[in-house]
Protein backbone atom coordinates (compact mmCIF):
# COMPACT_ATOMS: atom_id res chain seq x y z
CA MET A 1 6.41 -29.03 73.81
CA TRP A 2 7.97 -25.96 72.19
CA ASP A 3 7.35 -27.25 68.67
CA GLU A 4 3.72 -27.71 69.39
CA ALA A 5 3.44 -24.07 70.52
CA TYR A 6 3.73 -22.97 66.86
CA ASP A 7 0.45 -24.69 66.20
CA TYR A 8 -1.58 -22.98 68.90
CA ASP A 9 -4.45 -20.98 67.44
CA GLY A 10 -3.47 -17.82 69.18
CA VAL A 11 0.10 -17.99 68.06
CA VAL A 12 -0.88 -18.63 64.52
CA GLU A 13 -3.51 -15.83 64.63
CA GLN A 14 -1.00 -13.25 65.91
CA TYR A 15 2.21 -14.33 64.22
CA GLY A 16 1.18 -16.63 61.42
CA THR A 17 2.50 -20.06 60.59
CA LEU A 18 6.17 -20.96 60.25
CA LYS A 19 5.65 -21.05 56.51
CA ASP A 20 4.23 -17.44 56.72
CA HIS A 21 7.30 -16.46 58.66
CA HIS A 22 9.58 -18.17 56.12
CA GLU A 23 7.90 -16.38 53.23
CA LYS A 24 8.05 -13.03 54.94
CA PHE A 25 11.74 -13.52 55.52
CA LYS A 26 12.36 -14.46 51.82
CA ALA A 27 10.28 -11.55 50.57
CA GLY A 28 12.76 -9.19 52.33
CA GLN A 29 15.78 -10.83 50.70
CA LYS A 30 16.89 -9.46 47.28
CA ILE A 31 18.97 -12.59 46.76
CA LYS A 32 17.27 -15.96 47.50
CA ILE A 33 20.40 -17.53 48.77
CA CYS A 34 21.03 -19.21 52.20
CA PRO A 35 21.98 -16.34 54.54
CA MET A 36 24.35 -18.57 56.47
CA CYS A 37 26.66 -19.85 53.75
CA GLY A 38 25.91 -17.56 50.79
CA ILE A 39 26.33 -20.41 48.30
CA SER A 40 23.13 -22.49 48.36
CA ARG A 41 19.81 -21.43 46.93
CA LEU A 42 16.64 -21.20 49.12
CA LYS A 43 13.66 -23.17 47.88
CA PRO A 44 11.16 -21.37 45.66
CA SER A 45 7.95 -20.33 47.34
CA GLY A 46 5.84 -22.56 45.02
CA LEU A 47 7.25 -25.86 46.37
CA LYS A 48 5.28 -27.72 49.08
CA ALA A 49 8.38 -28.14 51.19
CA ARG A 50 10.17 -25.11 52.71
CA ASP A 51 13.78 -24.78 53.80
CA ALA A 52 14.68 -25.91 57.23
CA TYR A 53 14.75 -23.51 60.16
CA ASP A 54 18.00 -23.39 62.11
CA HIS A 55 17.66 -22.80 65.71
CA TYR A 56 20.57 -20.32 65.80
CA LEU A 57 21.03 -21.03 69.56
CA ALA A 58 20.34 -24.79 69.63
CA LYS A 59 17.25 -25.72 71.50
CA SER A 60 19.04 -28.59 73.26
CA LEU A 61 21.42 -26.05 74.76
CA TYR A 62 19.09 -23.18 75.25
CA PRO A 63 15.71 -24.79 75.99
CA PHE A 64 13.84 -21.47 76.69
CA ASN A 65 14.74 -19.90 73.47
CA PRO A 66 13.29 -22.14 70.71
CA ILE A 67 9.86 -20.37 70.50
CA ASN A 68 11.64 -17.01 69.90
CA THR A 69 11.17 -16.36 66.21
CA TYR A 70 14.31 -14.24 66.16
CA ASN A 71 16.18 -17.44 66.96
CA LEU A 72 14.81 -19.08 63.81
CA VAL A 73 16.72 -18.58 60.60
CA PRO A 74 15.78 -20.26 57.26
CA THR A 75 18.90 -22.00 56.13
CA CYS A 76 19.82 -24.63 53.53
CA HIS A 77 19.93 -28.28 54.50
CA GLU A 78 23.73 -28.35 54.22
CA CYS A 79 24.12 -25.60 56.79
CA ASN A 80 21.44 -26.82 59.16
CA SER A 81 21.90 -30.55 59.10
CA ASP A 82 25.27 -31.40 57.57
CA PHE A 83 27.35 -28.97 59.43
CA LYS A 84 25.86 -26.98 62.33
CA GLY A 85 23.59 -29.45 64.02
CA ALA A 86 23.40 -28.67 67.74
CA ASP A 87 26.82 -26.87 67.85
CA ASP A 88 26.93 -23.89 70.10
CA ILE A 89 27.93 -20.80 68.08
CA LEU A 90 28.67 -18.97 71.34
CA LEU A 91 31.50 -21.25 72.38
CA LYS A 92 35.01 -21.29 70.98
CA ALA A 93 36.80 -24.57 70.41
CA ASP A 94 38.57 -24.17 73.82
CA GLY A 95 35.25 -23.86 75.65
CA THR A 96 35.43 -20.08 76.21
CA ARG A 97 32.58 -17.77 75.25
CA SER A 98 32.59 -16.05 71.88
CA ALA A 99 30.74 -13.19 70.25
CA ALA A 100 28.57 -14.03 67.31
CA PHE A 101 26.61 -12.27 64.59
CA TYR A 102 22.93 -11.62 65.34
CA PRO A 103 21.01 -13.00 62.28
CA TYR A 104 18.37 -10.32 62.23
CA SER A 105 20.63 -7.36 62.97
CA THR A 106 20.08 -4.17 60.86
CA GLU A 107 23.77 -3.35 61.10
CA THR A 108 25.73 -3.47 57.89
CA TYR A 109 28.85 -5.63 57.87
CA ASN A 110 31.43 -5.50 55.11
CA LEU A 111 32.47 -9.12 54.79
CA VAL A 112 35.34 -9.64 52.33
CA LEU A 113 36.37 -13.00 50.87
CA ARG A 114 39.84 -13.31 49.43
CA TYR A 115 41.73 -16.38 48.10
CA GLU A 116 45.36 -17.31 48.20
CA ILE A 117 47.19 -20.49 47.40
CA ARG A 118 49.59 -21.80 49.98
CA HIS A 119 51.94 -23.32 47.36
CA ARG A 120 51.98 -23.12 43.65
CA SER A 121 54.95 -24.65 41.98
CA ASN A 122 53.96 -23.86 38.39
CA LYS A 123 51.83 -20.92 37.56
CA ALA A 124 50.66 -22.43 34.37
CA LEU A 125 49.18 -25.43 36.28
CA PHE A 126 47.67 -23.51 39.16
CA ILE A 127 44.22 -24.95 38.43
CA HIS A 128 45.44 -28.39 39.63
CA ASN A 129 46.51 -26.96 43.00
CA LYS A 130 44.23 -28.13 45.79
CA ASP A 131 45.49 -25.70 48.38
CA TRP A 132 43.01 -22.93 47.96
CA LYS A 133 42.82 -21.01 51.28
CA PRO A 134 39.81 -18.73 51.69
CA LYS A 135 40.18 -15.81 54.06
CA ILE A 136 37.19 -13.91 55.36
CA LEU A 137 37.43 -10.51 57.07
CA CYS A 138 34.79 -8.25 58.67
CA ASN A 139 35.30 -4.58 58.10
CA GLU A 140 38.96 -5.55 57.13
CA ASN A 141 39.48 -7.08 60.56
CA ASP A 142 39.94 -10.69 61.87
CA ASP A 143 36.72 -10.66 63.86
CA GLU A 144 35.85 -13.34 66.43
CA ARG A 145 32.26 -13.35 65.15
CA VAL A 146 33.54 -14.39 61.76
CA ARG A 147 35.56 -17.19 63.38
CA ALA A 148 32.41 -18.36 65.27
CA TRP A 149 30.35 -18.32 62.10
CA THR A 150 32.96 -20.14 59.90
CA LYS A 151 33.65 -22.73 62.63
CA THR A 152 29.97 -23.47 63.23
CA TYR A 153 28.84 -23.74 59.69
CA GLY A 154 32.07 -25.17 58.27
CA ILE A 155 32.34 -22.17 55.94
CA GLU A 156 36.04 -22.15 55.10
CA HIS A 157 36.18 -25.96 54.49
CA ARG A 158 33.08 -25.79 52.30
CA TYR A 159 34.47 -22.76 50.31
CA HIS A 160 37.71 -24.63 49.85
CA GLU A 161 36.01 -27.82 48.56
CA TYR A 162 33.55 -26.05 46.28
CA THR A 163 36.31 -23.98 44.78
CA ASN A 164 38.36 -27.07 44.07
CA ASP A 165 35.32 -28.66 42.45
CA SER A 166 34.44 -25.53 40.26
CA GLU A 167 37.71 -23.84 39.42
CA LEU A 168 38.18 -25.40 36.06
CA VAL A 169 34.72 -24.25 34.92
CA TRP A 170 35.42 -20.76 36.23
CA LEU A 171 38.97 -20.68 34.61
CA LYS A 172 37.44 -21.63 31.29
CA ALA A 173 34.96 -18.78 31.50
CA ILE A 174 37.80 -16.35 32.07
CA VAL A 175 39.71 -17.78 29.05
CA LYS A 176 36.59 -17.60 26.87
CA ASN A 177 35.91 -14.00 27.78
CA TYR A 178 39.65 -13.05 27.24
CA LYS A 179 39.53 -14.60 23.84
CA ILE A 180 36.47 -12.33 22.94
CA ALA A 181 38.28 -9.30 24.45
CA LYS A 182 41.40 -9.94 22.53
CA ARG A 183 39.52 -10.31 19.21
CA ARG A 184 38.01 -6.84 20.01
CA LEU A 185 41.55 -5.43 20.77
CA THR A 186 40.48 -4.60 24.25
CA PRO A 187 43.45 -3.63 26.42
CA PHE A 188 44.27 -6.29 29.08
CA ASP A 189 43.71 -4.00 32.04
CA GLN A 190 40.29 -3.02 30.63
CA PHE A 191 39.51 -6.72 30.14
CA LYS A 192 40.13 -7.39 33.78
CA GLN A 193 38.07 -4.47 34.88
CA ASP A 194 35.14 -5.36 32.63
CA TYR A 195 35.31 -8.97 33.78
CA MET A 196 35.16 -8.11 37.54
CA ASP A 197 32.45 -5.43 36.88
CA GLN A 198 30.01 -8.10 35.74
CA TYR A 199 29.88 -9.43 39.34
CA ASP A 200 28.26 -6.23 40.54
CA SER A 201 25.01 -7.39 38.79
CA ILE A 202 25.10 -11.15 38.97
CA LEU A 203 25.75 -11.95 42.61
CA SER A 204 22.51 -13.76 43.03
CA GLY A 205 23.22 -17.38 42.19
CA PRO A 206 24.72 -20.28 44.09
CA MET A 207 28.52 -19.85 44.59
CA ASP A 208 28.70 -16.49 42.81
CA ILE A 209 30.63 -14.99 45.71
CA LEU A 210 33.23 -17.79 45.39
CA GLU A 211 33.51 -17.35 41.62
CA LYS A 212 34.07 -13.62 42.12
CA ALA A 213 36.79 -14.18 44.73
CA TYR A 214 38.40 -16.81 42.53
CA ALA A 215 38.40 -14.51 39.49
CA GLU A 216 39.81 -11.58 41.51
CA TYR A 217 42.66 -13.70 42.71
CA ILE A 218 43.48 -15.22 39.20
CA LEU A 219 43.38 -11.89 37.50
CA SER A 220 45.75 -10.42 40.09
CA LEU A 221 48.49 -12.97 39.46
CA ASP A 222 51.81 -11.92 37.91
CA GLU A 223 52.12 -12.92 34.29
CA ILE A 224 48.50 -13.91 34.09
CA GLN A 225 48.18 -12.41 30.62
CA GLU A 226 50.95 -14.73 29.40
CA THR A 227 49.27 -17.67 31.07
CA LEU A 228 45.91 -16.94 29.52
CA ASP A 229 47.57 -16.58 26.04
CA SER A 230 49.22 -20.03 26.53
CA PHE A 231 45.66 -21.40 27.33
CA LEU A 232 44.36 -19.89 24.05
CA ASP A 233 47.23 -21.49 22.09
CA ASN A 234 47.27 -24.90 23.85
CA GLY A 235 43.94 -25.24 25.61
CA VAL A 236 43.26 -25.27 29.32
CA PRO A 237 44.80 -28.36 31.06
CA GLU A 238 42.10 -30.68 32.20
């Protein structure tokens, strides 16, 4: 019944179609990336199909809320279908209520993603370590709204797996740029600063936020300059 309401002439005349709503949402986004995961690109406007709408509060659990357009959030297929489904973002794993982010809030949140490795036996072979541990803070705090978001959309698990899958490519990019910087006699600290500064202007593609957090971690390691030099001499281990 609720799905049919979107097709009523009066609703369409006053609020537009779902595609209109979707395009208006995208027009207000500087970065056309899924707002729920930050790593998948939203479909271009010229395609016939649009991205799925996630009922932020699942319609099967909150049956009087589905027609509320502020409960509809354009998301990638992976967020909407592969992970969230009908999960209740307002419930913790133990069944108690949880606070959650409001998707259309105008409040600014300072979300910070950092990486660490639980165990690394050989710094020169850290690219083969599969224990990447992403940690996400809100305004430098361990916020229960972050926990609700990461639980519902599988964020930390997905960040972990995508990092494992991409780290060799990202490391080779660091080594390539270090080689150029060394040829130009750029001091190492300046190279690190220049490398991180590039992310201020390129955080617009899939997984850019993960690559930035990875590079920040790698370039903060002790003896990283010696490790990069060894990669220049012997190649990056595959």
